[in-house]
Amino acid sequence: MKRFVEETASPLVFPRPVALVTVHADKFDNIITLSWVGTVCSSPPVIAMGIRENRFSYSLIQKSGEFVVNIPDEKLMREADYCGTRSGNDVDKFKETGLTKERGKNVNAPLIKECPINIECTLLKTFKLGSHTLFLGKVVGTHIDEALITEGEFDDKKFKPLTYLSPHYFTVKEIEGNYGFTNK
């Protein structure tokens, strides 16, 4: 196999989930679209996010010490793109997209009603890495749309998450295998 070698290193890890992260601080509710989001610990449950310092939500998250990671499905691609291409300094993203705020149980940041999954987090730590700062959030509450529940459990086969491979959005539509299938 021939390989192309880039002149500079690139973080080519794909697919990346699309997350609509909400925050409340200084009388502002804002939504920032991120694709540099992931689970980094299961006990305690911790989510990591990479955010540039010049983003409006950056300082709001630092001030409030909390946020919600809202996971959109394929129906919310337009809203996710809009929230990722506008600044909360200039527009009210909830008003402009028609997304609905809901109160969480554990944090003041709003949940997005239209997102099938909402994960409430409190800020654990931040690490300045270079162009981005790593935000680590401890999960303090999770909300899942009842339509995604089968027999009391999250049914991943019912969920069509939105993913990002710059500059394209994708959805996960088919199951190709199950964890541990090679052990059979």
N, C-alpha and C. Protein backbone atom coordinates (compact mmCIF):
# COMPACT_ATOMS: atom_id res chain seq x y z
N MET A 1 0.84 -1.17 0.00
CA MET A 1 0.00 0.00 0.00
C MET A 1 0.90 1.24 0.00
N LYS A 2 0.68 2.14 -0.96
CA LYS A 2 1.40 3.40 -0.99
C LYS A 2 0.80 4.37 0.02
N ARG A 3 1.63 5.14 0.66
CA ARG A 3 1.16 6.08 1.66
C ARG A 3 1.57 7.49 1.31
N PHE A 4 0.63 8.40 1.50
CA PHE A 4 0.91 9.83 1.39
C PHE A 4 1.39 10.28 2.75
N VAL A 5 2.43 11.07 2.80
CA VAL A 5 2.96 11.58 4.06
C VAL A 5 2.73 13.08 4.10
N GLU A 6 1.97 13.53 5.13
CA GLU A 6 1.72 14.96 5.28
C GLU A 6 2.97 15.65 5.79
N GLU A 7 3.11 16.91 5.39
CA GLU A 7 4.24 17.71 5.85
C GLU A 7 4.13 18.03 7.34
N THR A 8 2.88 18.17 7.82
CA THR A 8 2.66 18.43 9.24
C THR A 8 1.77 17.34 9.81
N ALA A 9 1.84 17.14 11.10
CA ALA A 9 1.01 16.13 11.75
C ALA A 9 -0.44 16.59 11.80
N SER A 10 -1.37 15.68 11.59
CA SER A 10 -2.80 15.97 11.65
C SER A 10 -3.49 14.97 12.56
N PRO A 11 -4.45 15.44 13.36
CA PRO A 11 -5.19 14.51 14.24
C PRO A 11 -6.34 13.86 13.47
N LEU A 12 -6.02 12.89 12.63
CA LEU A 12 -7.03 12.27 11.77
C LEU A 12 -7.71 11.09 12.48
N VAL A 13 -8.51 11.40 13.49
CA VAL A 13 -9.27 10.38 14.20
C VAL A 13 -10.73 10.59 13.82
N PHE A 14 -11.34 9.55 13.23
CA PHE A 14 -12.70 9.70 12.72
C PHE A 14 -13.52 8.45 13.04
N PRO A 15 -14.83 8.51 13.01
CA PRO A 15 -15.61 9.74 12.92
C PRO A 15 -15.62 10.45 14.26
N ARG A 16 -15.90 11.71 14.24
CA ARG A 16 -16.01 12.50 15.47
C ARG A 16 -17.49 12.81 15.69
N PRO A 17 -17.95 12.66 16.92
CA PRO A 17 -19.36 12.98 17.17
C PRO A 17 -19.60 14.47 17.06
N VAL A 18 -20.79 14.83 16.67
CA VAL A 18 -21.21 16.23 16.72
C VAL A 18 -21.93 16.41 18.05
N ALA A 19 -21.52 17.42 18.79
CA ALA A 19 -22.17 17.74 20.07
C ALA A 19 -22.56 19.20 20.08
N LEU A 20 -23.74 19.47 20.60
CA LEU A 20 -24.20 20.84 20.82
C LEU A 20 -24.05 21.09 22.31
N VAL A 21 -23.00 21.80 22.68
CA VAL A 21 -22.70 22.03 24.09
C VAL A 21 -23.35 23.34 24.51
N THR A 22 -24.13 23.26 25.59
CA THR A 22 -24.83 24.43 26.10
C THR A 22 -24.22 24.88 27.42
N VAL A 23 -24.31 26.19 27.61
CA VAL A 23 -23.74 26.79 28.82
C VAL A 23 -24.60 27.98 29.23
N HIS A 24 -24.62 28.26 30.52
CA HIS A 24 -25.30 29.45 31.04
C HIS A 24 -24.34 30.17 31.98
N ALA A 25 -24.09 31.44 31.68
CA ALA A 25 -23.27 32.29 32.55
C ALA A 25 -23.50 33.74 32.15
N ASP A 26 -23.34 34.62 33.10
CA ASP A 26 -23.49 36.06 32.84
C ASP A 26 -24.79 36.39 32.11
N LYS A 27 -25.88 35.74 32.50
CA LYS A 27 -27.21 35.94 31.90
C LYS A 27 -27.31 35.47 30.46
N PHE A 28 -26.32 34.75 29.97
CA PHE A 28 -26.33 34.24 28.60
C PHE A 28 -26.55 32.73 28.61
N ASP A 29 -27.36 32.27 27.67
CA ASP A 29 -27.42 30.85 27.34
C ASP A 29 -26.83 30.75 25.95
N ASN A 30 -25.89 29.85 25.76
CA ASN A 30 -25.27 29.73 24.45
C ASN A 30 -25.14 28.26 24.07
N ILE A 31 -25.00 28.06 22.76
CA ILE A 31 -24.77 26.73 22.18
C ILE A 31 -23.51 26.82 21.34
N ILE A 32 -22.59 25.91 21.54
CA ILE A 32 -21.41 25.81 20.69
C ILE A 32 -21.40 24.39 20.10
N THR A 33 -21.20 24.30 18.80
CA THR A 33 -21.09 23.01 18.15
C THR A 33 -19.64 22.56 18.20
N LEU A 34 -19.43 21.36 18.69
CA LEU A 34 -18.09 20.80 18.78
C LEU A 34 -18.05 19.40 18.18
N SER A 35 -16.91 19.06 17.62
CA SER A 35 -16.72 17.66 17.21
C SER A 35 -15.51 17.06 17.93
N TRP A 36 -14.81 17.86 18.69
CA TRP A 36 -13.70 17.34 19.47
C TRP A 36 -14.20 17.08 20.89
N VAL A 37 -15.01 16.01 21.00
CA VAL A 37 -15.67 15.63 22.25
C VAL A 37 -15.57 14.12 22.39
N GLY A 38 -15.32 13.64 23.59
CA GLY A 38 -15.29 12.20 23.77
C GLY A 38 -15.28 11.77 25.22
N THR A 39 -15.65 10.53 25.45
CA THR A 39 -15.60 9.92 26.77
C THR A 39 -14.15 9.55 27.07
N VAL A 40 -13.67 9.92 28.25
CA VAL A 40 -12.29 9.61 28.59
C VAL A 40 -12.15 8.81 29.89
N CYS A 41 -13.27 8.61 30.59
CA CYS A 41 -13.23 7.82 31.82
C CYS A 41 -14.65 7.33 32.11
N SER A 42 -14.75 6.09 32.63
CA SER A 42 -16.08 5.56 32.94
C SER A 42 -16.41 5.61 34.43
N SER A 43 -15.38 5.65 35.30
CA SER A 43 -15.64 5.69 36.73
C SER A 43 -14.62 6.59 37.42
N PRO A 44 -14.94 7.85 37.70
CA PRO A 44 -16.22 8.48 37.43
C PRO A 44 -16.37 8.79 35.94
N PRO A 45 -17.62 8.93 35.46
CA PRO A 45 -17.79 9.24 34.05
C PRO A 45 -17.31 10.66 33.74
N VAL A 46 -16.39 10.76 32.76
CA VAL A 46 -15.79 12.05 32.40
C VAL A 46 -15.81 12.21 30.89
N ILE A 47 -16.16 13.42 30.46
CA ILE A 47 -16.16 13.80 29.05
C ILE A 47 -15.10 14.86 28.84
N ALA A 48 -14.38 14.77 27.71
CA ALA A 48 -13.37 15.77 27.35
C ALA A 48 -13.84 16.52 26.11
N MET A 49 -13.51 17.82 26.08
CA MET A 49 -13.84 18.67 24.93
C MET A 49 -12.65 19.58 24.64
N GLY A 50 -12.35 19.77 23.36
CA GLY A 50 -11.33 20.72 22.96
C GLY A 50 -11.99 21.97 22.42
N ILE A 51 -11.67 23.14 23.02
CA ILE A 51 -12.30 24.41 22.61
C ILE A 51 -11.22 25.48 22.47
N ARG A 52 -11.32 26.26 21.40
CA ARG A 52 -10.42 27.40 21.21
C ARG A 52 -10.78 28.53 22.17
N GLU A 53 -9.76 29.23 22.66
CA GLU A 53 -9.96 30.29 23.64
C GLU A 53 -10.79 31.46 23.10
N ASN A 54 -10.78 31.68 21.79
CA ASN A 54 -11.52 32.83 21.24
C ASN A 54 -13.01 32.55 21.05
N ARG A 55 -13.48 31.36 21.40
CA ARG A 55 -14.90 31.04 21.26
C ARG A 55 -15.68 31.64 22.44
N PHE A 56 -16.87 32.12 22.14
CA PHE A 56 -17.72 32.79 23.13
C PHE A 56 -18.00 31.88 24.34
N SER A 57 -18.26 30.60 24.09
CA SER A 57 -18.59 29.68 25.19
C SER A 57 -17.40 29.35 26.08
N TYR A 58 -16.20 29.55 25.59
CA TYR A 58 -14.99 29.22 26.34
C TYR A 58 -15.01 29.88 27.73
N SER A 59 -15.17 31.19 27.76
CA SER A 59 -15.16 31.90 29.04
C SER A 59 -16.42 31.63 29.85
N LEU A 60 -17.55 31.40 29.17
CA LEU A 60 -18.79 31.10 29.88
C LEU A 60 -18.68 29.78 30.65
N ILE A 61 -18.06 28.78 30.03
CA ILE A 61 -17.87 27.49 30.72
C ILE A 61 -16.92 27.67 31.90
N GLN A 62 -15.86 28.44 31.71
CA GLN A 62 -14.92 28.65 32.82
C GLN A 62 -15.59 29.39 33.97
N LYS A 63 -16.43 30.39 33.66
CA LYS A 63 -17.11 31.16 34.72
C LYS A 63 -18.14 30.32 35.46
N SER A 64 -18.94 29.56 34.70
CA SER A 64 -20.04 28.81 35.32
C SER A 64 -19.58 27.50 35.95
N GLY A 65 -18.55 26.90 35.38
CA GLY A 65 -18.06 25.62 35.88
C GLY A 65 -18.97 24.45 35.56
N GLU A 66 -19.83 24.62 34.55
CA GLU A 66 -20.74 23.55 34.16
C GLU A 66 -21.20 23.72 32.73
N PHE A 67 -21.71 22.62 32.15
CA PHE A 67 -22.18 22.64 30.77
C PHE A 67 -23.00 21.37 30.52
N VAL A 68 -23.69 21.35 29.38
CA VAL A 68 -24.43 20.16 28.97
C VAL A 68 -23.95 19.77 27.58
N VAL A 69 -23.62 18.50 27.41
CA VAL A 69 -23.26 17.96 26.11
C VAL A 69 -24.54 17.34 25.54
N ASN A 70 -25.11 17.99 24.54
CA ASN A 70 -26.33 17.54 23.90
C ASN A 70 -25.95 16.83 22.61
N ILE A 71 -26.40 15.58 22.45
CA ILE A 71 -26.03 14.78 21.29
C ILE A 71 -27.18 14.80 20.29
N PRO A 72 -26.98 15.46 19.14
CA PRO A 72 -28.05 15.54 18.15
C PRO A 72 -28.12 14.29 17.27
N ASP A 73 -29.28 14.09 16.68
CA ASP A 73 -29.40 13.05 15.67
C ASP A 73 -29.37 13.70 14.30
N GLU A 74 -29.58 12.91 13.28
CA GLU A 74 -29.46 13.39 11.91
C GLU A 74 -30.46 14.49 11.57
N LYS A 75 -31.57 14.57 12.30
CA LYS A 75 -32.58 15.59 12.03
C LYS A 75 -32.11 17.00 12.41
N LEU A 76 -31.06 17.10 13.19
CA LEU A 76 -30.60 18.40 13.69
C LEU A 76 -29.33 18.90 12.99
N MET A 77 -29.03 18.39 11.81
CA MET A 77 -27.81 18.79 11.11
C MET A 77 -27.80 20.29 10.81
N ARG A 78 -28.91 20.84 10.34
CA ARG A 78 -28.98 22.27 10.01
C ARG A 78 -28.70 23.12 11.26
N GLU A 79 -29.33 22.79 12.37
CA GLU A 79 -29.15 23.54 13.61
C GLU A 79 -27.71 23.41 14.12
N ALA A 80 -27.15 22.21 14.01
CA ALA A 80 -25.77 22.01 14.45
C ALA A 80 -24.81 22.85 13.62
N ASP A 81 -25.01 22.86 12.32
CA ASP A 81 -24.15 23.66 11.46
C ASP A 81 -24.30 25.15 11.77
N TYR A 82 -25.53 25.61 11.94
CA TYR A 82 -25.78 27.02 12.26
C TYR A 82 -25.04 27.42 13.55
N CYS A 83 -25.19 26.60 14.58
CA CYS A 83 -24.57 26.93 15.88
C CYS A 83 -23.05 26.86 15.83
N GLY A 84 -22.50 26.13 14.85
CA GLY A 84 -21.06 26.04 14.71
C GLY A 84 -20.46 27.11 13.82
N THR A 85 -21.32 27.88 13.14
CA THR A 85 -20.81 28.90 12.22
C THR A 85 -21.20 30.32 12.63
N ARG A 86 -21.82 30.46 13.80
CA ARG A 86 -22.18 31.78 14.34
C ARG A 86 -21.63 31.90 15.75
N SER A 87 -21.38 33.13 16.17
CA SER A 87 -20.89 33.38 17.52
C SER A 87 -22.04 33.84 18.41
N GLY A 88 -22.04 33.33 19.64
CA GLY A 88 -23.00 33.79 20.63
C GLY A 88 -22.83 35.25 20.98
N ASN A 89 -21.69 35.85 20.61
CA ASN A 89 -21.51 37.29 20.76
C ASN A 89 -22.46 38.06 19.87
N ASP A 90 -22.84 37.44 18.74
CA ASP A 90 -23.62 38.13 17.72
C ASP A 90 -25.09 37.73 17.65
N VAL A 91 -25.40 36.49 17.98
CA VAL A 91 -26.78 35.99 17.83
C VAL A 91 -27.19 35.13 19.01
N ASP A 92 -28.50 35.09 19.24
CA ASP A 92 -29.09 34.17 20.20
C ASP A 92 -29.40 32.89 19.42
N LYS A 93 -28.57 31.88 19.60
CA LYS A 93 -28.69 30.67 18.80
C LYS A 93 -29.97 29.89 19.10
N PHE A 94 -30.45 29.95 20.34
CA PHE A 94 -31.73 29.31 20.64
C PHE A 94 -32.85 29.97 19.84
N LYS A 95 -32.87 31.28 19.85
CA LYS A 95 -33.91 32.02 19.13
C LYS A 95 -33.82 31.78 17.62
N GLU A 96 -32.62 31.85 17.08
CA GLU A 96 -32.44 31.74 15.63
C GLU A 96 -32.70 30.34 15.10
N THR A 97 -32.43 29.30 15.89
CA THR A 97 -32.63 27.93 15.43
C THR A 97 -33.99 27.36 15.82
N GLY A 98 -34.64 27.98 16.80
CA GLY A 98 -35.90 27.45 17.29
C GLY A 98 -35.72 26.27 18.24
N LEU A 99 -34.49 26.01 18.66
CA LEU A 99 -34.25 24.93 19.63
C LEU A 99 -34.84 25.32 20.98
N THR A 100 -35.33 24.33 21.71
CA THR A 100 -36.05 24.54 22.96
C THR A 100 -35.15 24.28 24.16
N LYS A 101 -35.11 25.25 25.08
CA LYS A 101 -34.36 25.07 26.33
C LYS A 101 -35.19 24.26 27.32
N GLU A 102 -34.53 23.35 28.00
CA GLU A 102 -35.14 22.62 29.12
C GLU A 102 -34.20 22.71 30.31
N ARG A 103 -34.79 22.72 31.49
CA ARG A 103 -33.97 22.75 32.70
C ARG A 103 -33.39 21.38 32.98
N GLY A 104 -32.14 21.40 33.39
CA GLY A 104 -31.51 20.17 33.84
C GLY A 104 -31.85 19.93 35.29
N LYS A 105 -31.38 18.83 35.82
CA LYS A 105 -31.61 18.52 37.23
C LYS A 105 -30.42 18.90 38.10
N ASN A 106 -29.23 18.99 37.48
CA ASN A 106 -28.01 19.15 38.27
C ASN A 106 -27.17 20.37 37.95
N VAL A 107 -27.43 21.02 36.81
CA VAL A 107 -26.66 22.19 36.41
C VAL A 107 -27.61 23.27 35.91
N ASN A 108 -27.12 24.50 35.84
CA ASN A 108 -27.92 25.62 35.35
C ASN A 108 -27.90 25.76 33.84
N ALA A 109 -26.96 25.13 33.18
CA ALA A 109 -26.92 25.17 31.72
C ALA A 109 -28.15 24.45 31.17
N PRO A 110 -28.75 25.00 30.11
CA PRO A 110 -29.96 24.36 29.58
C PRO A 110 -29.67 23.10 28.78
N LEU A 111 -30.64 22.19 28.80
CA LEU A 111 -30.63 21.04 27.91
C LEU A 111 -31.33 21.48 26.62
N ILE A 112 -31.03 20.84 25.51
CA ILE A 112 -31.75 21.08 24.27
C ILE A 112 -32.78 19.96 24.12
N LYS A 113 -34.04 20.33 24.19
CA LYS A 113 -35.14 19.35 24.16
C LYS A 113 -35.09 18.47 22.92
N GLU A 114 -34.75 19.02 21.77
CA GLU A 114 -34.76 18.28 20.52
C GLU A 114 -33.64 17.26 20.40
N CYS A 115 -32.61 17.35 21.24
CA CYS A 115 -31.51 16.38 21.21
C CYS A 115 -31.93 15.14 21.99
N PRO A 116 -31.77 13.95 21.40
CA PRO A 116 -32.19 12.72 22.07
C PRO A 116 -31.38 12.37 23.31
N ILE A 117 -30.17 12.91 23.43
CA ILE A 117 -29.32 12.65 24.59
C ILE A 117 -28.77 13.96 25.11
N ASN A 118 -28.86 14.15 26.43
CA ASN A 118 -28.33 15.33 27.10
C ASN A 118 -27.51 14.86 28.29
N ILE A 119 -26.27 15.34 28.38
CA ILE A 119 -25.36 14.89 29.43
C ILE A 119 -24.91 16.11 30.24
N GLU A 120 -25.38 16.19 31.48
CA GLU A 120 -25.03 17.30 32.36
C GLU A 120 -23.65 17.07 32.95
N CYS A 121 -22.82 18.13 32.94
CA CYS A 121 -21.44 18.00 33.43
C CYS A 121 -21.05 19.18 34.31
N THR A 122 -20.17 18.89 35.27
CA THR A 122 -19.51 19.94 36.03
C THR A 122 -18.04 19.92 35.63
N LEU A 123 -17.45 21.08 35.55
CA LEU A 123 -16.07 21.21 35.09
C LEU A 123 -15.10 20.69 36.15
N LEU A 124 -14.28 19.71 35.76
CA LEU A 124 -13.26 19.15 36.66
C LEU A 124 -11.95 19.92 36.55
N LYS A 125 -11.45 20.03 35.31
CA LYS A 125 -10.15 20.66 35.06
C LYS A 125 -10.09 21.17 33.64
N THR A 126 -9.15 22.07 33.42
CA THR A 126 -8.84 22.51 32.06
C THR A 126 -7.33 22.42 31.87
N PHE A 127 -6.93 22.15 30.64
CA PHE A 127 -5.52 22.08 30.29
C PHE A 127 -5.32 22.84 28.99
N LYS A 128 -4.50 23.87 29.02
CA LYS A 128 -4.16 24.60 27.80
C LYS A 128 -3.18 23.74 27.01
N LEU A 129 -3.57 23.39 25.78
CA LEU A 129 -2.76 22.48 24.99
C LEU A 129 -2.01 23.16 23.85
N GLY A 130 -2.44 24.32 23.46
CA GLY A 130 -1.92 25.02 22.28
C GLY A 130 -3.07 25.80 21.69
N SER A 131 -3.50 25.44 20.48
CA SER A 131 -4.62 26.15 19.85
C SER A 131 -5.93 25.91 20.60
N HIS A 132 -6.04 24.80 21.32
CA HIS A 132 -7.25 24.46 22.05
C HIS A 132 -6.93 24.22 23.52
N THR A 133 -7.97 24.38 24.34
CA THR A 133 -7.91 24.01 25.75
C THR A 133 -8.77 22.77 25.93
N LEU A 134 -8.26 21.81 26.69
CA LEU A 134 -9.01 20.61 27.00
C LEU A 134 -9.85 20.88 28.24
N PHE A 135 -11.14 20.71 28.11
CA PHE A 135 -12.08 20.84 29.22
C PHE A 135 -12.49 19.43 29.63
N LEU A 136 -12.32 19.09 30.90
CA LEU A 136 -12.77 17.80 31.42
C LEU A 136 -14.00 18.03 32.29
N GLY A 137 -15.08 17.34 31.96
CA GLY A 137 -16.32 17.50 32.70
C GLY A 137 -16.78 16.20 33.32
N LYS A 138 -17.10 16.24 34.60
CA LYS A 138 -17.65 15.06 35.28
C LYS A 138 -19.14 14.99 34.98
N VAL A 139 -19.58 13.83 34.51
CA VAL A 139 -20.99 13.63 34.20
C VAL A 139 -21.77 13.53 35.51
N VAL A 140 -22.78 14.42 35.66
CA VAL A 140 -23.59 14.42 36.88
C VAL A 140 -25.06 14.11 36.59
N GLY A 141 -25.38 13.90 35.33
CA GLY A 141 -26.75 13.54 34.97
C GLY A 141 -26.85 13.24 33.48
N THR A 142 -27.65 12.26 33.13
CA THR A 142 -27.85 11.89 31.73
C THR A 142 -29.34 11.74 31.46
N HIS A 143 -29.78 12.33 30.35
CA HIS A 143 -31.18 12.28 29.94
C HIS A 143 -31.23 11.64 28.56
N ILE A 144 -32.10 10.65 28.38
CA ILE A 144 -32.23 9.94 27.11
C ILE A 144 -33.69 9.95 26.70
N ASP A 145 -33.95 10.31 25.45
CA ASP A 145 -35.31 10.28 24.91
C ASP A 145 -35.88 8.88 25.07
N GLU A 146 -37.10 8.79 25.60
CA GLU A 146 -37.74 7.49 25.82
C GLU A 146 -37.87 6.68 24.54
N ALA A 147 -37.90 7.32 23.38
CA ALA A 147 -37.99 6.60 22.11
C ALA A 147 -36.75 5.75 21.85
N LEU A 148 -35.66 6.03 22.57
CA LEU A 148 -34.42 5.28 22.41
C LEU A 148 -34.25 4.19 23.47
N ILE A 149 -35.28 3.95 24.25
CA ILE A 149 -35.21 2.97 25.34
C ILE A 149 -36.02 1.73 24.95
N THR A 150 -35.41 0.57 25.13
CA THR A 150 -36.09 -0.71 24.93
C THR A 150 -35.86 -1.55 26.18
N GLU A 151 -36.94 -2.00 26.78
CA GLU A 151 -36.88 -2.82 27.99
C GLU A 151 -35.97 -2.21 29.06
N GLY A 152 -36.11 -0.90 29.26
CA GLY A 152 -35.37 -0.20 30.30
C GLY A 152 -33.91 0.10 30.00
N GLU A 153 -33.46 -0.15 28.78
CA GLU A 153 -32.06 0.06 28.40
C GLU A 153 -31.97 0.95 27.16
N PHE A 154 -30.87 1.69 27.05
CA PHE A 154 -30.60 2.47 25.84
C PHE A 154 -30.45 1.52 24.67
N ASP A 155 -31.18 1.76 23.61
CA ASP A 155 -31.16 0.91 22.42
C ASP A 155 -30.43 1.65 21.30
N ASP A 156 -29.13 1.39 21.17
CA ASP A 156 -28.31 2.12 20.21
C ASP A 156 -28.74 1.89 18.76
N LYS A 157 -29.47 0.83 18.50
CA LYS A 157 -29.93 0.58 17.13
C LYS A 157 -30.99 1.59 16.69
N LYS A 158 -31.62 2.26 17.64
CA LYS A 158 -32.65 3.25 17.33
C LYS A 158 -32.06 4.65 17.13
N PHE A 159 -30.80 4.84 17.47
CA PHE A 159 -30.19 6.18 17.44
C PHE A 159 -29.35 6.35 16.19
N LYS A 160 -29.55 7.47 15.50
CA LYS A 160 -28.79 7.82 14.29
C LYS A 160 -27.99 9.10 14.58
N PRO A 161 -26.85 8.96 15.27
CA PRO A 161 -26.09 10.15 15.66
C PRO A 161 -25.47 10.86 14.45
N LEU A 162 -25.29 12.13 14.60
CA LEU A 162 -24.63 12.96 13.60
C LEU A 162 -23.14 12.95 13.88
N THR A 163 -22.32 12.73 12.86
CA THR A 163 -20.87 12.74 13.01
C THR A 163 -20.27 13.73 12.02
N TYR A 164 -18.98 14.01 12.20
CA TYR A 164 -18.32 15.03 11.40
C TYR A 164 -16.96 14.54 10.93
N LEU A 165 -16.71 14.72 9.66
CA LEU A 165 -15.42 14.45 9.04
C LEU A 165 -15.17 15.65 8.14
N SER A 166 -14.47 16.63 8.66
CA SER A 166 -14.32 17.95 8.05
C SER A 166 -14.10 17.89 6.54
N PRO A 167 -14.89 18.58 5.77
CA PRO A 167 -15.99 19.49 6.11
C PRO A 167 -17.37 18.86 6.01
N HIS A 168 -17.49 17.55 6.16
CA HIS A 168 -18.75 16.86 5.89
C HIS A 168 -19.40 16.32 7.16
N TYR A 169 -20.75 16.30 7.13
CA TYR A 169 -21.53 15.64 8.18
C TYR A 169 -21.94 14.26 7.67
N PHE A 170 -21.97 13.30 8.58
CA PHE A 170 -22.39 11.94 8.26
C PHE A 170 -23.33 11.45 9.35
N THR A 171 -24.09 10.41 9.04
CA THR A 171 -24.88 9.74 10.06
C THR A 171 -24.45 8.28 10.11
N VAL A 172 -24.69 7.68 11.24
CA VAL A 172 -24.41 6.26 11.41
C VAL A 172 -25.73 5.55 11.14
N LYS A 173 -25.78 4.76 10.10
CA LYS A 173 -27.04 4.15 9.69
C LYS A 173 -27.10 2.65 9.87
N GLU A 174 -25.98 1.96 9.77
CA GLU A 174 -26.02 0.51 9.80
C GLU A 174 -25.08 -0.04 10.86
N ILE A 175 -25.48 -1.14 11.46
CA ILE A 175 -24.62 -1.85 12.40
C ILE A 175 -23.83 -2.87 11.60
N GLU A 176 -22.52 -2.81 11.74
CA GLU A 176 -21.65 -3.72 10.99
C GLU A 176 -21.15 -4.90 11.82
N GLY A 177 -21.33 -4.82 13.14
CA GLY A 177 -20.88 -5.89 14.01
C GLY A 177 -21.16 -5.51 15.45
N ASN A 178 -20.98 -6.43 16.35
CA ASN A 178 -21.15 -6.20 17.78
C ASN A 178 -19.84 -6.42 18.50
N TYR A 179 -19.64 -5.69 19.58
CA TYR A 179 -18.45 -5.84 20.39
C TYR A 179 -18.28 -7.29 20.82
N GLY A 180 -17.11 -7.83 20.63
CA GLY A 180 -16.80 -9.20 21.02
C GLY A 180 -17.15 -10.25 20.00
N PHE A 181 -17.55 -9.83 18.81
CA PHE A 181 -17.94 -10.82 17.79
C PHE A 181 -16.80 -11.74 17.39
N THR A 182 -15.55 -11.30 17.58
CA THR A 182 -14.41 -12.14 17.21
C THR A 182 -14.16 -13.24 18.23
N ASN A 183 -14.81 -13.17 19.38
CA ASN A 183 -14.63 -14.19 20.43
C ASN A 183 -15.53 -15.41 20.22
N LYS A 184 -16.36 -15.37 19.21
CA LYS A 184 -17.33 -16.47 19.02
C LYS A 184 -16.81 -17.51 18.08
